[in-house]
Full PDB file with SEQRES, HELIX, SHEET, SSBOND, CRYST1, ORIGX, SCALE, CONECT and MASTER records, all heavy atoms in Angstrom:
SEQRES   1 A   34  ALA LEU ALA ILE GLY SER ALA ALA GLY ALA ASN HIS ALA          
SEQRES   2 A   34  VAL LEU THR PRO ARG GLN ARG ARG LEU GLY SER TYR GLY          
SEQRES   3 A   34  TYR TRP ALA SER LEU LEU ALA ILE                              
HELIX    1 AA1 LEU A    2  ALA A   10  1                                   9    
HELIX    2 AA2 HIS A   12  VAL A   14  5                                   3    
HELIX    3 AA3 PRO A   17  ALA A   33  1                                  17    
CRYST1    1.000    1.000    1.000  90.00  90.00  90.00 P 1           1          
ORIGX1      1.000000  0.000000  0.000000        0.00000                         
ORIGX2      0.000000  1.000000  0.000000        0.00000                         
ORIGX3      0.000000  0.000000  1.000000        0.00000                         
SCALE1      1.000000  0.000000  0.000000        0.00000                         
SCALE2      0.000000  1.000000  0.000000        0.00000                         
SCALE3      0.000000  0.000000  1.000000        0.00000                         
ATOM      1  N   ALA A   1      15.923  65.064  28.282  1.00  0.00           N  
ATOM      2  CA  ALA A   1      15.687  65.816  27.053  1.00  0.00           C  
ATOM      3  C   ALA A   1      16.258  65.070  25.849  1.00  0.00           C  
ATOM      4  O   ALA A   1      15.609  64.971  24.799  1.00  0.00           O  
ATOM      5  CB  ALA A   1      16.295  67.207  27.155  1.00  0.00           C  
ATOM      6  N   LEU A   2      17.454  64.520  26.001  1.00  0.00           N  
ATOM      7  CA  LEU A   2      18.054  63.768  24.897  1.00  0.00           C  
ATOM      8  C   LEU A   2      17.287  62.486  24.597  1.00  0.00           C  
ATOM      9  O   LEU A   2      17.054  62.142  23.436  1.00  0.00           O  
ATOM     10  CB  LEU A   2      19.514  63.437  25.218  1.00  0.00           C  
ATOM     11  CG  LEU A   2      20.480  64.611  25.240  1.00  0.00           C  
ATOM     12  CD1 LEU A   2      21.847  64.146  25.722  1.00  0.00           C  
ATOM     13  CD2 LEU A   2      20.582  65.227  23.868  1.00  0.00           C  
ATOM     14  N   ALA A   3      16.878  61.780  25.636  1.00  0.00           N  
ATOM     15  CA  ALA A   3      16.174  60.514  25.439  1.00  0.00           C  
ATOM     16  C   ALA A   3      14.796  60.723  24.825  1.00  0.00           C  
ATOM     17  O   ALA A   3      14.404  60.023  23.881  1.00  0.00           O  
ATOM     18  CB  ALA A   3      16.050  59.778  26.767  1.00  0.00           C  
ATOM     19  N   ILE A   4      14.051  61.685  25.350  1.00  0.00           N  
ATOM     20  CA  ILE A   4      12.706  61.928  24.827  1.00  0.00           C  
ATOM     21  C   ILE A   4      12.780  62.457  23.404  1.00  0.00           C  
ATOM     22  O   ILE A   4      12.017  62.036  22.528  1.00  0.00           O  
ATOM     23  CB  ILE A   4      11.939  62.895  25.744  1.00  0.00           C  
ATOM     24  CG1 ILE A   4      11.674  62.243  27.099  1.00  0.00           C  
ATOM     25  CG2 ILE A   4      10.622  63.329  25.112  1.00  0.00           C  
ATOM     26  CD1 ILE A   4      11.133  63.194  28.139  1.00  0.00           C  
ATOM     27  N   GLY A   5      13.709  63.363  23.151  1.00  0.00           N  
ATOM     28  CA  GLY A   5      13.841  63.917  21.807  1.00  0.00           C  
ATOM     29  C   GLY A   5      14.245  62.884  20.786  1.00  0.00           C  
ATOM     30  O   GLY A   5      13.699  62.836  19.675  1.00  0.00           O  
ATOM     31  N   SER A   6      15.181  62.024  21.132  1.00  0.00           N  
ATOM     32  CA  SER A   6      15.622  61.009  20.174  1.00  0.00           C  
ATOM     33  C   SER A   6      14.575  59.916  19.992  1.00  0.00           C  
ATOM     34  O   SER A   6      14.370  59.420  18.882  1.00  0.00           O  
ATOM     35  CB  SER A   6      16.959  60.413  20.596  1.00  0.00           C  
ATOM     36  OG  SER A   6      16.832  59.752  21.831  1.00  0.00           O  
ATOM     37  N   ALA A   7      13.880  59.549  21.061  1.00  0.00           N  
ATOM     38  CA  ALA A   7      12.851  58.512  20.932  1.00  0.00           C  
ATOM     39  C   ALA A   7      11.664  59.018  20.114  1.00  0.00           C  
ATOM     40  O   ALA A   7      11.140  58.297  19.255  1.00  0.00           O  
ATOM     41  CB  ALA A   7      12.378  58.068  22.308  1.00  0.00           C  
ATOM     42  N   ALA A   8      11.259  60.256  20.363  1.00  0.00           N  
ATOM     43  CA  ALA A   8      10.133  60.804  19.608  1.00  0.00           C  
ATOM     44  C   ALA A   8      10.524  61.058  18.154  1.00  0.00           C  
ATOM     45  O   ALA A   8       9.701  60.892  17.255  1.00  0.00           O  
ATOM     46  CB  ALA A   8       9.642  62.094  20.251  1.00  0.00           C  
ATOM     47  N   GLY A   9      11.751  61.440  17.915  1.00  0.00           N  
ATOM     48  CA  GLY A   9      12.200  61.675  16.541  1.00  0.00           C  
ATOM     49  C   GLY A   9      12.387  60.399  15.750  1.00  0.00           C  
ATOM     50  O   GLY A   9      12.047  60.326  14.568  1.00  0.00           O  
ATOM     51  N   ALA A  10      12.917  59.380  16.385  1.00  0.00           N  
ATOM     52  CA  ALA A  10      13.175  58.123  15.678  1.00  0.00           C  
ATOM     53  C   ALA A  10      11.890  57.369  15.365  1.00  0.00           C  
ATOM     54  O   ALA A  10      11.808  56.663  14.363  1.00  0.00           O  
ATOM     55  CB  ALA A  10      14.098  57.238  16.515  1.00  0.00           C  
ATOM     56  N   ASN A  11      10.885  57.505  16.205  1.00  0.00           N  
ATOM     57  CA  ASN A  11       9.632  56.774  16.028  1.00  0.00           C  
ATOM     58  C   ASN A  11       8.483  57.688  15.620  1.00  0.00           C  
ATOM     59  O   ASN A  11       7.325  57.355  15.838  1.00  0.00           O  
ATOM     60  CB  ASN A  11       9.272  56.047  17.329  1.00  0.00           C  
ATOM     61  CG  ASN A  11      10.348  55.088  17.756  1.00  0.00           C  
ATOM     62  OD1 ASN A  11      10.871  54.340  16.944  1.00  0.00           O  
ATOM     63  ND2 ASN A  11      10.702  55.120  19.025  1.00  0.00           N  
ATOM     64  N   HIS A  12       8.795  58.815  15.012  1.00  0.00           N  
ATOM     65  CA  HIS A  12       7.766  59.811  14.713  1.00  0.00           C  
ATOM     66  C   HIS A  12       6.673  59.256  13.788  1.00  0.00           C  
ATOM     67  O   HIS A  12       5.497  59.578  13.948  1.00  0.00           O  
ATOM     68  CB  HIS A  12       8.406  61.046  14.077  1.00  0.00           C  
ATOM     69  CG  HIS A  12       7.464  62.178  13.870  1.00  0.00           C  
ATOM     70  ND1 HIS A  12       7.009  62.945  14.911  1.00  0.00           N  
ATOM     71  CD2 HIS A  12       6.878  62.662  12.752  1.00  0.00           C  
ATOM     72  CE1 HIS A  12       6.187  63.861  14.446  1.00  0.00           C  
ATOM     73  NE2 HIS A  12       6.086  63.719  13.132  1.00  0.00           N  
ATOM     74  N   ALA A  13       7.047  58.419  12.853  1.00  0.00           N  
ATOM     75  CA  ALA A  13       6.081  57.924  11.862  1.00  0.00           C  
ATOM     76  C   ALA A  13       5.056  56.969  12.469  1.00  0.00           C  
ATOM     77  O   ALA A  13       3.933  56.876  11.971  1.00  0.00           O  
ATOM     78  CB  ALA A  13       6.814  57.245  10.720  1.00  0.00           C  
ATOM     79  N   VAL A  14       5.419  56.267  13.522  1.00  0.00           N  
ATOM     80  CA  VAL A  14       4.511  55.266  14.083  1.00  0.00           C  
ATOM     81  C   VAL A  14       3.763  55.757  15.322  1.00  0.00           C  
ATOM     82  O   VAL A  14       2.924  55.043  15.846  1.00  0.00           O  
ATOM     83  CB  VAL A  14       5.268  53.952  14.420  1.00  0.00           C  
ATOM     84  CG1 VAL A  14       5.845  53.345  13.164  1.00  0.00           C  
ATOM     85  CG2 VAL A  14       6.349  54.200  15.443  1.00  0.00           C  
ATOM     86  N   LEU A  15       4.045  56.968  15.770  1.00  0.00           N  
ATOM     87  CA  LEU A  15       3.381  57.489  16.958  1.00  0.00           C  
ATOM     88  C   LEU A  15       2.026  58.085  16.590  1.00  0.00           C  
ATOM     89  O   LEU A  15       1.853  58.669  15.520  1.00  0.00           O  
ATOM     90  CB  LEU A  15       4.231  58.564  17.629  1.00  0.00           C  
ATOM     91  CG  LEU A  15       5.569  58.120  18.215  1.00  0.00           C  
ATOM     92  CD1 LEU A  15       6.316  59.323  18.765  1.00  0.00           C  
ATOM     93  CD2 LEU A  15       5.373  57.082  19.289  1.00  0.00           C  
ATOM     94  N   THR A  16       1.089  57.941  17.500  1.00  0.00           N  
ATOM     95  CA  THR A  16      -0.212  58.583  17.325  1.00  0.00           C  
ATOM     96  C   THR A  16      -0.057  60.080  17.619  1.00  0.00           C  
ATOM     97  O   THR A  16       0.933  60.489  18.240  1.00  0.00           O  
ATOM     98  CB  THR A  16      -1.255  57.973  18.272  1.00  0.00           C  
ATOM     99  OG1 THR A  16      -0.876  58.272  19.620  1.00  0.00           O  
ATOM    100  CG2 THR A  16      -1.373  56.464  18.084  1.00  0.00           C  
ATOM    101  N   PRO A  17      -1.000  60.896  17.187  1.00  0.00           N  
ATOM    102  CA  PRO A  17      -0.896  62.332  17.495  1.00  0.00           C  
ATOM    103  C   PRO A  17      -0.808  62.617  18.997  1.00  0.00           C  
ATOM    104  O   PRO A  17      -0.093  63.531  19.422  1.00  0.00           O  
ATOM    105  CB  PRO A  17      -2.168  62.915  16.894  1.00  0.00           C  
ATOM    106  CG  PRO A  17      -2.535  61.983  15.800  1.00  0.00           C  
ATOM    107  CD  PRO A  17      -2.098  60.619  16.265  1.00  0.00           C  
ATOM    108  N   ARG A  18      -1.510  61.831  19.791  1.00  0.00           N  
ATOM    109  CA  ARG A  18      -1.446  62.028  21.244  1.00  0.00           C  
ATOM    110  C   ARG A  18      -0.049  61.713  21.766  1.00  0.00           C  
ATOM    111  O   ARG A  18       0.494  62.438  22.610  1.00  0.00           O  
ATOM    112  CB  ARG A  18      -2.476  61.131  21.932  1.00  0.00           C  
ATOM    113  CG  ARG A  18      -2.491  61.281  23.436  1.00  0.00           C  
ATOM    114  CD  ARG A  18      -3.609  60.443  24.063  1.00  0.00           C  
ATOM    115  NE  ARG A  18      -3.666  60.633  25.484  1.00  0.00           N  
ATOM    116  CZ  ARG A  18      -2.996  59.904  26.370  1.00  0.00           C  
ATOM    117  NH1 ARG A  18      -2.206  58.933  25.966  1.00  0.00           N  
ATOM    118  NH2 ARG A  18      -3.103  60.143  27.657  1.00  0.00           N  
ATOM    119  N   GLN A  19       0.560  60.642  21.278  1.00  0.00           N  
ATOM    120  CA  GLN A  19       1.910  60.296  21.716  1.00  0.00           C  
ATOM    121  C   GLN A  19       2.923  61.337  21.261  1.00  0.00           C  
ATOM    122  O   GLN A  19       3.870  61.644  21.990  1.00  0.00           O  
ATOM    123  CB  GLN A  19       2.294  58.914  21.188  1.00  0.00           C  
ATOM    124  CG  GLN A  19       1.545  57.779  21.847  1.00  0.00           C  
ATOM    125  CD  GLN A  19       1.790  56.453  21.146  1.00  0.00           C  
ATOM    126  OE1 GLN A  19       1.962  56.400  19.929  1.00  0.00           O  
ATOM    127  NE2 GLN A  19       1.795  55.382  21.931  1.00  0.00           N  
ATOM    128  N   ARG A  20       2.733  61.884  20.067  1.00  0.00           N  
ATOM    129  CA  ARG A  20       3.625  62.952  19.596  1.00  0.00           C  
ATOM    130  C   ARG A  20       3.506  64.189  20.493  1.00  0.00           C  
ATOM    131  O   ARG A  20       4.508  64.816  20.833  1.00  0.00           O  
ATOM    132  CB  ARG A  20       3.273  63.331  18.167  1.00  0.00           C  
ATOM    133  CG  ARG A  20       3.669  62.309  17.160  1.00  0.00           C  
ATOM    134  CD  ARG A  20       3.379  62.801  15.761  1.00  0.00           C  
ATOM    135  NE  ARG A  20       3.426  61.672  14.854  1.00  0.00           N  
ATOM    136  CZ  ARG A  20       2.572  61.459  13.890  1.00  0.00           C  
ATOM    137  NH1 ARG A  20       1.596  62.306  13.663  1.00  0.00           N  
ATOM    138  NH2 ARG A  20       2.692  60.394  13.116  1.00  0.00           N  
ATOM    139  N   ARG A  21       2.281  64.534  20.856  1.00  0.00           N  
ATOM    140  CA  ARG A  21       2.045  65.698  21.709  1.00  0.00           C  
ATOM    141  C   ARG A  21       2.659  65.478  23.096  1.00  0.00           C  
ATOM    142  O   ARG A  21       3.318  66.362  23.635  1.00  0.00           O  
ATOM    143  CB  ARG A  21       0.546  65.967  21.808  1.00  0.00           C  
ATOM    144  CG  ARG A  21       0.201  67.263  22.474  1.00  0.00           C  
ATOM    145  CD  ARG A  21      -1.284  67.595  22.398  1.00  0.00           C  
ATOM    146  NE  ARG A  21      -2.120  66.544  22.977  1.00  0.00           N  
ATOM    147  CZ  ARG A  21      -2.924  65.738  22.276  1.00  0.00           C  
ATOM    148  NH1 ARG A  21      -2.993  65.845  20.975  1.00  0.00           N  
ATOM    149  NH2 ARG A  21      -3.640  64.817  22.893  1.00  0.00           N  
ATOM    150  N   LEU A  22       2.455  64.298  23.666  1.00  0.00           N  
ATOM    151  CA  LEU A  22       3.042  64.010  24.982  1.00  0.00           C  
ATOM    152  C   LEU A  22       4.569  63.981  24.920  1.00  0.00           C  
ATOM    153  O   LEU A  22       5.243  64.417  25.855  1.00  0.00           O  
ATOM    154  CB  LEU A  22       2.502  62.685  25.516  1.00  0.00           C  
ATOM    155  CG  LEU A  22       1.036  62.704  25.950  1.00  0.00           C  
ATOM    156  CD1 LEU A  22       0.583  61.297  26.337  1.00  0.00           C  
ATOM    157  CD2 LEU A  22       0.828  63.652  27.095  1.00  0.00           C  
ATOM    158  N   GLY A  23       5.117  63.475  23.822  1.00  0.00           N  
ATOM    159  CA  GLY A  23       6.567  63.507  23.642  1.00  0.00           C  
ATOM    160  C   GLY A  23       7.083  64.933  23.562  1.00  0.00           C  
ATOM    161  O   GLY A  23       8.133  65.260  24.118  1.00  0.00           O  
ATOM    162  N   SER A  24       6.332  65.779  22.882  1.00  0.00           N  
ATOM    163  CA  SER A  24       6.724  67.183  22.780  1.00  0.00           C  
ATOM    164  C   SER A  24       6.657  67.864  24.134  1.00  0.00           C  
ATOM    165  O   SER A  24       7.553  68.635  24.504  1.00  0.00           O  
ATOM    166  CB  SER A  24       5.813  67.897  21.789  1.00  0.00           C  
ATOM    167  OG  SER A  24       6.090  69.269  21.760  1.00  0.00           O  
ATOM    168  N   TYR A  25       5.601  67.594  24.893  1.00  0.00           N  
ATOM    169  CA  TYR A  25       5.483  68.179  26.237  1.00  0.00           C  
ATOM    170  C   TYR A  25       6.630  67.717  27.144  1.00  0.00           C  
ATOM    171  O   TYR A  25       7.198  68.506  27.887  1.00  0.00           O  
ATOM    172  CB  TYR A  25       4.157  67.811  26.884  1.00  0.00           C  
ATOM    173  CG  TYR A  25       2.940  68.453  26.268  1.00  0.00           C  
ATOM    174  CD1 TYR A  25       1.689  67.898  26.424  1.00  0.00           C  
ATOM    175  CD2 TYR A  25       3.032  69.621  25.518  1.00  0.00           C  
ATOM    176  CE1 TYR A  25       0.566  68.475  25.860  1.00  0.00           C  
ATOM    177  CE2 TYR A  25       1.925  70.206  24.944  1.00  0.00           C  
ATOM    178  CZ  TYR A  25       0.685  69.632  25.121  1.00  0.00           C  
ATOM    179  OH  TYR A  25      -0.415  70.198  24.572  1.00  0.00           O  
ATOM    180  N   GLY A  26       6.936  66.438  27.096  1.00  0.00           N  
ATOM    181  CA  GLY A  26       8.032  65.919  27.914  1.00  0.00           C  
ATOM    182  C   GLY A  26       9.370  66.510  27.522  1.00  0.00           C  
ATOM    183  O   GLY A  26      10.203  66.828  28.381  1.00  0.00           O  
ATOM    184  N   TYR A  27       9.569  66.674  26.219  1.00  0.00           N  
ATOM    185  CA  TYR A  27      10.819  67.247  25.722  1.00  0.00           C  
ATOM    186  C   TYR A  27      10.979  68.689  26.198  1.00  0.00           C  
ATOM    187  O   TYR A  27      12.028  69.073  26.713  1.00  0.00           O  
ATOM    188  CB  TYR A  27      10.838  67.166  24.197  1.00  0.00           C  
ATOM    189  CG  TYR A  27      12.051  67.768  23.559  1.00  0.00           C  
ATOM    190  CD1 TYR A  27      13.301  67.165  23.702  1.00  0.00           C  
ATOM    191  CD2 TYR A  27      11.973  68.934  22.813  1.00  0.00           C  
ATOM    192  CE1 TYR A  27      14.426  67.711  23.121  1.00  0.00           C  
ATOM    193  CE2 TYR A  27      13.085  69.483  22.230  1.00  0.00           C  
ATOM    194  CZ  TYR A  27      14.313  68.873  22.380  1.00  0.00           C  
ATOM    195  OH  TYR A  27      15.421  69.420  21.808  1.00  0.00           O  
ATOM    196  N   TRP A  28       9.927  69.491  26.051  1.00  0.00           N  
ATOM    197  CA  TRP A  28      10.011  70.891  26.461  1.00  0.00           C  
ATOM    198  C   TRP A  28      10.091  71.026  27.974  1.00  0.00           C  
ATOM    199  O   TRP A  28      10.776  71.934  28.483  1.00  0.00           O  
ATOM    200  CB  TRP A  28       8.843  71.693  25.895  1.00  0.00           C  
ATOM    201  CG  TRP A  28       9.044  71.965  24.443  1.00  0.00           C  
ATOM    202  CD1 TRP A  28       8.391  71.383  23.397  1.00  0.00           C  
ATOM    203  CD2 TRP A  28      10.023  72.838  23.871  1.00  0.00           C  
ATOM    204  NE1 TRP A  28       8.887  71.855  22.216  1.00  0.00           N  
ATOM    205  CE2 TRP A  28       9.890  72.745  22.473  1.00  0.00           C  
ATOM    206  CE3 TRP A  28      10.980  73.683  24.390  1.00  0.00           C  
ATOM    207  CZ2 TRP A  28      10.681  73.479  21.603  1.00  0.00           C  
ATOM    208  CZ3 TRP A  28      11.775  74.412  23.521  1.00  0.00           C  
ATOM    209  CH2 TRP A  28      11.618  74.300  22.144  1.00  0.00           C  
ATOM    210  N   ALA A  29       9.426  70.155  28.703  1.00  0.00           N  
ATOM    211  CA  ALA A  29       9.534  70.191  30.167  1.00  0.00           C  
ATOM    212  C   ALA A  29      10.964  69.886  30.607  1.00  0.00           C  
ATOM    213  O   ALA A  29      11.498  70.520  31.522  1.00  0.00           O  
ATOM    214  CB  ALA A  29       8.554  69.211  30.794  1.00  0.00           C  
ATOM    215  N   SER A  30      11.587  68.923  29.943  1.00  0.00           N  
ATOM    216  CA  SER A  30      12.982  68.603  30.267  1.00  0.00           C  
ATOM    217  C   SER A  30      13.907  69.746  29.898  1.00  0.00           C  
ATOM    218  O   SER A  30      14.849  70.057  30.623  1.00  0.00           O  
ATOM    219  CB  SER A  30      13.417  67.329  29.538  1.00  0.00           C  
ATOM    220  OG  SER A  30      12.704  66.231  30.009  1.00  0.00           O  
ATOM    221  N   LEU A  31      13.645  70.386  28.755  1.00  0.00           N  
ATOM    222  CA  LEU A  31      14.480  71.523  28.365  1.00  0.00           C  
ATOM    223  C   LEU A  31      14.330  72.694  29.330  1.00  0.00           C  
ATOM    224  O   LEU A  31      15.303  73.407  29.595  1.00  0.00           O  
ATOM    225  CB  LEU A  31      14.128  71.972  26.942  1.00  0.00           C  
ATOM    226  CG  LEU A  31      14.684  71.126  25.811  1.00  0.00           C  
ATOM    227  CD1 LEU A  31      14.274  71.708  24.466  1.00  0.00           C  
ATOM    228  CD2 LEU A  31      16.193  71.013  25.879  1.00  0.00           C  
ATOM    229  N   LEU A  32      13.135  72.898  29.859  1.00  0.00           N  
ATOM    230  CA  LEU A  32      12.947  73.967  30.840  1.00  0.00           C  
ATOM    231  C   LEU A  32      13.562  73.616  32.194  1.00  0.00           C  
ATOM    232  O   LEU A  32      13.952  74.502  32.953  1.00  0.00           O  
ATOM    233  CB  LEU A  32      11.463  74.273  31.010  1.00  0.00           C  
ATOM    234  CG  LEU A  32      10.790  74.950  29.815  1.00  0.00           C  
ATOM    235  CD1 LEU A  32       9.295  75.050  30.044  1.00  0.00           C  
ATOM    236  CD2 LEU A  32      11.398  76.317  29.572  1.00  0.00           C  
ATOM    237  N   ALA A  33      13.640  72.318  32.489  1.00  0.00           N  
ATOM    238  CA  ALA A  33      14.226  71.897  33.765  1.00  0.00           C  
ATOM    239  C   ALA A  33      15.737  72.080  33.786  1.00  0.00           C  
ATOM    240  O   ALA A  33      16.323  72.204  34.873  1.00  0.00           O  
ATOM    241  CB  ALA A  33      13.871  70.440  34.047  1.00  0.00           C  
ATOM    242  N   ILE A  34      16.374  72.116  32.624  1.00  0.00           N  
ATOM    243  CA  ILE A  34      17.836  72.252  32.584  1.00  0.00           C  
ATOM    244  C   ILE A  34      18.286  73.580  33.191  1.00  0.00           C  
ATOM    245  O   ILE A  34      19.080  73.587  34.141  1.00  0.00           O  
ATOM    246  CB  ILE A  34      18.365  72.050  31.147  1.00  0.00           C  
ATOM    247  CG1 ILE A  34      18.151  70.600  30.713  1.00  0.00           C  
ATOM    248  CG2 ILE A  34      19.840  72.419  31.050  1.00  0.00           C  
ATOM    249  CD1 ILE A  34      18.377  70.358  29.243  1.00  0.00           C  
TER     250      ILE A  34                                                      
MASTER        0    0    0    3    0    0    0    6  249    1    0    3          
END                                                                             
């Protein structure tokens, strides 16, 4: 959750919409796994 959130946040400007969406899905999946 920390890695996906920080990577998606730090590179938000250069990510495509699909990559942003997948980053969001991965982040929320990790948060639900906790």
